[in-house]
N, C-alpha and C. Protein backbone atom coordinates (compact mmCIF):
# COMPACT_ATOMS: atom_id res chain seq x y z
N MET A 1 0.84 -1.18 0.00
CA MET A 1 0.00 0.00 0.00
C MET A 1 0.88 1.24 0.00
N ARG A 2 0.55 2.16 -0.82
CA ARG A 2 1.33 3.38 -0.95
C ARG A 2 0.82 4.44 0.02
N GLU A 3 1.74 5.06 0.75
CA GLU A 3 1.36 6.11 1.68
C GLU A 3 1.86 7.45 1.15
N THR A 4 1.06 8.45 1.30
CA THR A 4 1.45 9.79 0.90
C THR A 4 1.14 10.75 2.03
N HIS A 5 1.75 11.91 1.98
CA HIS A 5 1.40 12.93 2.97
C HIS A 5 0.13 13.63 2.50
N LEU A 6 -0.69 14.00 3.45
CA LEU A 6 -1.98 14.61 3.13
C LEU A 6 -2.04 16.06 3.56
N ILE A 7 -0.91 16.75 3.53
CA ILE A 7 -0.90 18.15 3.96
C ILE A 7 -1.82 18.99 3.08
N GLY A 8 -1.84 18.72 1.80
CA GLY A 8 -2.67 19.49 0.90
C GLY A 8 -4.15 19.21 1.04
N PHE A 9 -4.51 18.14 1.74
CA PHE A 9 -5.91 17.76 1.85
C PHE A 9 -6.49 17.99 3.24
N LYS A 10 -5.71 18.51 4.15
CA LYS A 10 -6.20 18.82 5.49
C LYS A 10 -6.37 20.34 5.59
N TYR A 11 -7.59 20.77 5.44
CA TYR A 11 -7.81 22.23 5.35
C TYR A 11 -7.58 22.92 6.69
N ARG A 12 -7.84 22.25 7.80
CA ARG A 12 -7.64 22.91 9.09
C ARG A 12 -6.17 23.21 9.34
N SER A 13 -5.31 22.28 9.03
CA SER A 13 -3.88 22.53 9.24
C SER A 13 -3.39 23.66 8.34
N ASN A 14 -3.92 23.74 7.12
CA ASN A 14 -3.53 24.84 6.23
C ASN A 14 -4.01 26.18 6.75
N ILE A 15 -5.21 26.23 7.32
CA ILE A 15 -5.70 27.48 7.89
C ILE A 15 -4.82 27.92 9.04
N PHE A 16 -4.43 26.99 9.90
CA PHE A 16 -3.56 27.33 11.03
C PHE A 16 -2.17 27.75 10.55
N ARG A 17 -1.68 27.12 9.51
CA ARG A 17 -0.37 27.51 8.97
C ARG A 17 -0.40 28.91 8.36
N ILE A 18 -1.45 29.21 7.63
CA ILE A 18 -1.59 30.54 7.04
C ILE A 18 -1.65 31.59 8.13
N ASP A 19 -2.47 31.34 9.13
CA ASP A 19 -2.60 32.29 10.23
C ASP A 19 -1.30 32.44 11.01
N GLY A 20 -0.63 31.33 11.26
CA GLY A 20 0.63 31.37 12.00
C GLY A 20 1.74 32.09 11.26
N LYS A 21 1.87 31.82 9.99
CA LYS A 21 2.92 32.48 9.20
C LYS A 21 2.65 33.98 9.05
N THR A 22 1.40 34.35 8.90
CA THR A 22 1.07 35.77 8.78
C THR A 22 1.28 36.49 10.11
N THR A 23 0.92 35.85 11.20
CA THR A 23 1.16 36.45 12.52
C THR A 23 2.65 36.64 12.77
N THR A 24 3.44 35.63 12.45
CA THR A 24 4.88 35.73 12.63
C THR A 24 5.46 36.83 11.75
N PHE A 25 5.03 36.89 10.50
CA PHE A 25 5.51 37.93 9.59
C PHE A 25 5.16 39.32 10.12
N ASP A 26 3.94 39.47 10.63
CA ASP A 26 3.51 40.76 11.16
C ASP A 26 4.36 41.15 12.37
N GLU A 27 4.66 40.21 13.24
CA GLU A 27 5.47 40.51 14.42
C GLU A 27 6.92 40.82 14.07
N VAL A 28 7.42 40.25 12.99
CA VAL A 28 8.80 40.51 12.59
C VAL A 28 8.95 41.89 11.96
N ILE A 29 7.96 42.33 11.18
CA ILE A 29 8.13 43.60 10.47
C ILE A 29 7.66 44.81 11.26
N VAL A 30 6.91 44.63 12.34
CA VAL A 30 6.42 45.79 13.11
C VAL A 30 7.57 46.67 13.62
N PRO A 31 8.68 46.13 14.14
CA PRO A 31 9.76 47.03 14.59
C PRO A 31 10.37 47.90 13.49
N PHE A 32 10.21 47.54 12.23
CA PHE A 32 10.71 48.38 11.15
C PHE A 32 9.92 49.69 11.04
N PHE A 33 8.66 49.68 11.47
CA PHE A 33 7.79 50.83 11.30
C PHE A 33 7.54 51.60 12.58
N SER A 34 7.84 51.00 13.71
CA SER A 34 7.54 51.62 14.99
C SER A 34 8.73 52.44 15.48
N ASN A 35 8.43 53.59 16.03
CA ASN A 35 9.47 54.41 16.64
C ASN A 35 9.69 54.03 18.10
N LYS A 36 8.80 53.23 18.68
CA LYS A 36 8.85 52.92 20.10
C LYS A 36 9.55 51.61 20.41
N ILE A 37 9.57 50.67 19.46
CA ILE A 37 10.22 49.38 19.73
C ILE A 37 11.28 49.11 18.67
N GLY A 38 12.19 48.22 19.00
CA GLY A 38 13.26 47.84 18.08
C GLY A 38 13.67 46.41 18.36
N TYR A 39 14.69 45.96 17.69
CA TYR A 39 15.20 44.62 17.87
C TYR A 39 16.26 44.61 18.96
N VAL A 40 15.83 44.57 20.20
CA VAL A 40 16.73 44.46 21.35
C VAL A 40 16.22 43.35 22.25
N PHE A 41 17.13 42.70 22.92
CA PHE A 41 16.77 41.62 23.84
C PHE A 41 16.52 42.22 25.21
N ASN A 42 15.26 42.45 25.52
CA ASN A 42 14.88 43.07 26.78
C ASN A 42 13.61 42.39 27.27
N ILE A 43 13.73 41.63 28.34
CA ILE A 43 12.57 40.91 28.85
C ILE A 43 12.12 41.56 30.16
N SER A 44 11.56 42.71 30.05
CA SER A 44 10.95 43.36 31.21
C SER A 44 9.45 43.49 30.94
N TYR A 45 8.72 43.69 31.97
CA TYR A 45 7.27 43.78 31.83
C TYR A 45 6.88 44.96 30.94
N ASN A 46 7.54 46.09 31.11
CA ASN A 46 7.21 47.28 30.31
C ASN A 46 7.50 47.07 28.83
N SER A 47 8.62 46.42 28.51
CA SER A 47 8.94 46.21 27.09
C SER A 47 7.98 45.21 26.45
N ILE A 48 7.56 44.20 27.20
CA ILE A 48 6.60 43.24 26.66
C ILE A 48 5.25 43.91 26.42
N CYS A 49 4.83 44.74 27.37
CA CYS A 49 3.56 45.48 27.19
C CYS A 49 3.63 46.44 26.01
N LEU A 50 4.75 47.13 25.87
CA LEU A 50 4.92 48.08 24.77
C LEU A 50 4.93 47.36 23.42
N THR A 51 5.59 46.21 23.36
CA THR A 51 5.61 45.42 22.13
C THR A 51 4.21 44.94 21.77
N GLY A 52 3.48 44.44 22.76
CA GLY A 52 2.10 44.02 22.51
C GLY A 52 1.21 45.16 22.06
N TYR A 53 1.42 46.34 22.64
CA TYR A 53 0.65 47.51 22.25
C TYR A 53 0.95 47.92 20.80
N GLU A 54 2.20 47.90 20.42
CA GLU A 54 2.57 48.28 19.05
C GLU A 54 2.07 47.26 18.03
N ILE A 55 2.15 45.98 18.37
CA ILE A 55 1.61 44.95 17.47
C ILE A 55 0.11 45.11 17.36
N GLY A 56 -0.55 45.45 18.47
CA GLY A 56 -1.99 45.70 18.43
C GLY A 56 -2.36 46.89 17.58
N ASN A 57 -1.51 47.92 17.55
CA ASN A 57 -1.77 49.08 16.70
C ASN A 57 -1.71 48.72 15.22
N HIS A 58 -0.88 47.77 14.85
CA HIS A 58 -0.74 47.36 13.45
C HIS A 58 -1.63 46.17 13.10
N LEU A 59 -2.47 45.74 14.05
CA LEU A 59 -3.33 44.59 13.83
C LEU A 59 -4.40 44.84 12.77
N SER A 60 -4.72 46.09 12.53
CA SER A 60 -5.73 46.39 11.51
C SER A 60 -5.24 46.02 10.11
N LYS A 61 -3.95 45.91 9.94
CA LYS A 61 -3.39 45.54 8.64
C LYS A 61 -3.22 44.03 8.48
N PHE A 62 -3.58 43.27 9.52
CA PHE A 62 -3.40 41.82 9.49
C PHE A 62 -4.22 41.17 8.38
N ALA A 63 -5.47 41.58 8.22
CA ALA A 63 -6.33 40.99 7.19
C ALA A 63 -5.78 41.26 5.80
N GLN A 64 -5.17 42.42 5.61
CA GLN A 64 -4.60 42.75 4.30
C GLN A 64 -3.32 41.94 4.05
N LEU A 65 -2.63 41.54 5.11
CA LEU A 65 -1.43 40.71 4.94
C LEU A 65 -1.78 39.30 4.49
N LEU A 66 -3.02 38.86 4.68
CA LEU A 66 -3.43 37.54 4.23
C LEU A 66 -3.58 37.45 2.72
N ASN A 67 -3.65 38.57 2.04
CA ASN A 67 -3.81 38.61 0.60
C ASN A 67 -2.43 38.60 -0.07
N PRO A 68 -2.09 37.55 -0.83
CA PRO A 68 -0.77 37.52 -1.47
C PRO A 68 -0.62 38.53 -2.61
N ALA A 69 -1.70 39.13 -3.07
CA ALA A 69 -1.62 40.11 -4.16
C ALA A 69 -1.55 41.54 -3.64
N ARG A 70 -1.22 41.71 -2.38
CA ARG A 70 -1.20 43.05 -1.77
C ARG A 70 0.04 43.82 -2.23
N ASN A 71 0.03 45.10 -1.94
CA ASN A 71 1.18 45.95 -2.19
C ASN A 71 1.66 46.47 -0.83
N ILE A 72 2.84 46.09 -0.42
CA ILE A 72 3.36 46.44 0.91
C ILE A 72 3.55 47.94 1.05
N GLN A 73 3.81 48.63 -0.05
CA GLN A 73 3.99 50.09 0.01
C GLN A 73 2.69 50.80 0.37
N GLU A 74 1.56 50.27 -0.08
CA GLU A 74 0.28 50.88 0.26
C GLU A 74 -0.07 50.67 1.73
N LEU A 75 0.43 49.60 2.32
CA LEU A 75 0.14 49.32 3.73
C LEU A 75 1.00 50.16 4.67
N TYR A 76 2.29 50.25 4.37
CA TYR A 76 3.22 50.84 5.33
C TYR A 76 3.97 52.06 4.82
N GLY A 77 3.73 52.49 3.61
CA GLY A 77 4.40 53.67 3.10
C GLY A 77 5.52 53.32 2.14
N ALA A 78 6.15 54.35 1.60
CA ALA A 78 7.13 54.16 0.53
C ALA A 78 8.56 53.98 1.04
N ASN A 79 8.89 54.49 2.20
CA ASN A 79 10.27 54.42 2.70
C ASN A 79 10.48 53.16 3.52
N LEU A 80 10.70 52.05 2.82
CA LEU A 80 10.86 50.76 3.49
C LEU A 80 12.27 50.22 3.27
N PRO A 81 12.83 49.57 4.29
CA PRO A 81 14.13 48.94 4.07
C PRO A 81 14.01 47.73 3.15
N SER A 82 15.09 47.37 2.52
CA SER A 82 15.07 46.25 1.57
C SER A 82 14.77 44.93 2.27
N THR A 83 15.05 44.84 3.56
CA THR A 83 14.75 43.61 4.31
C THR A 83 13.25 43.35 4.32
N VAL A 84 12.46 44.39 4.43
CA VAL A 84 11.01 44.23 4.44
C VAL A 84 10.51 43.70 3.10
N TYR A 85 11.07 44.20 2.01
CA TYR A 85 10.68 43.69 0.68
C TYR A 85 11.05 42.23 0.52
N PHE A 86 12.23 41.84 1.01
CA PHE A 86 12.65 40.45 0.93
C PHE A 86 11.73 39.55 1.76
N LEU A 87 11.44 39.95 2.99
CA LEU A 87 10.54 39.17 3.84
C LEU A 87 9.13 39.12 3.25
N ASP A 88 8.70 40.21 2.65
CA ASP A 88 7.38 40.24 2.02
C ASP A 88 7.31 39.29 0.84
N TYR A 89 8.37 39.24 0.06
CA TYR A 89 8.41 38.33 -1.09
C TYR A 89 8.31 36.87 -0.63
N ILE A 90 9.07 36.52 0.40
CA ILE A 90 9.03 35.15 0.92
C ILE A 90 7.66 34.84 1.50
N HIS A 91 7.10 35.79 2.23
CA HIS A 91 5.79 35.58 2.82
C HIS A 91 4.71 35.40 1.75
N ARG A 92 4.78 36.20 0.69
CA ARG A 92 3.79 36.06 -0.37
C ARG A 92 3.91 34.73 -1.09
N ALA A 93 5.13 34.27 -1.30
CA ALA A 93 5.31 32.97 -1.95
C ALA A 93 4.74 31.84 -1.08
N LEU A 94 5.03 31.88 0.21
CA LEU A 94 4.48 30.86 1.11
C LEU A 94 2.97 30.94 1.19
N MET A 95 2.43 32.15 1.22
CA MET A 95 0.98 32.31 1.26
C MET A 95 0.33 31.77 0.00
N GLY A 96 0.94 31.99 -1.14
CA GLY A 96 0.40 31.47 -2.38
C GLY A 96 0.35 29.95 -2.39
N ILE A 97 1.41 29.31 -1.91
CA ILE A 97 1.45 27.85 -1.84
C ILE A 97 0.39 27.34 -0.87
N LEU A 98 0.30 27.95 0.31
CA LEU A 98 -0.66 27.48 1.30
C LEU A 98 -2.11 27.74 0.88
N LEU A 99 -2.36 28.84 0.21
CA LEU A 99 -3.72 29.09 -0.28
C LEU A 99 -4.09 28.11 -1.39
N TYR A 100 -3.12 27.75 -2.23
CA TYR A 100 -3.37 26.74 -3.26
C TYR A 100 -3.72 25.41 -2.60
N GLN A 101 -2.97 25.03 -1.56
CA GLN A 101 -3.27 23.78 -0.87
C GLN A 101 -4.63 23.83 -0.17
N LEU A 102 -4.99 24.98 0.35
CA LEU A 102 -6.28 25.13 1.01
C LEU A 102 -7.42 24.97 0.01
N ILE A 103 -7.29 25.60 -1.14
CA ILE A 103 -8.32 25.46 -2.18
C ILE A 103 -8.40 24.02 -2.67
N LYS A 104 -7.25 23.39 -2.81
CA LYS A 104 -7.21 22.00 -3.24
C LYS A 104 -7.90 21.09 -2.21
N ALA A 105 -7.70 21.37 -0.93
CA ALA A 105 -8.33 20.58 0.13
C ALA A 105 -9.84 20.75 0.11
N PHE A 106 -10.31 21.98 -0.07
CA PHE A 106 -11.75 22.20 -0.12
C PHE A 106 -12.38 21.55 -1.35
N ARG A 107 -11.68 21.55 -2.46
CA ARG A 107 -12.21 20.87 -3.64
C ARG A 107 -12.26 19.37 -3.43
N LYS A 108 -11.28 18.84 -2.74
CA LYS A 108 -11.26 17.41 -2.45
C LYS A 108 -12.43 17.04 -1.55
N ILE A 109 -12.75 17.88 -0.59
CA ILE A 109 -13.87 17.61 0.31
C ILE A 109 -15.20 17.70 -0.45
N SER A 110 -15.33 18.68 -1.33
CA SER A 110 -16.60 18.89 -2.01
C SER A 110 -16.87 17.81 -3.07
N PHE A 111 -15.84 17.18 -3.64
CA PHE A 111 -16.04 16.17 -4.65
C PHE A 111 -16.12 14.77 -4.06
N SER A 112 -15.84 14.60 -2.79
CA SER A 112 -15.90 13.25 -2.22
C SER A 112 -17.19 12.98 -1.51
């Protein structure tokens, strides 16, 4: 009997992966746009609260980050570091693959 992986056919795992990757991407790029937080190793209560507050301020853009056809300049402005464009490109490629697998899983469910 031949066994295959069913990642493309499990829609719940794909939804969680899409949400997880987008959340991680959002948390990584927020310090590029915030004047209040940066990439420093500081585990104090105030810094954790401030980081959560800044991520919460950018949470309105989370739904737009789920769209792989978005334009990052329209979301965050024109003066972006090249690192953000590189991370955005990788994120969009992963989102495209995961959305394709999600659509494939839903089609598999509807035809069976």
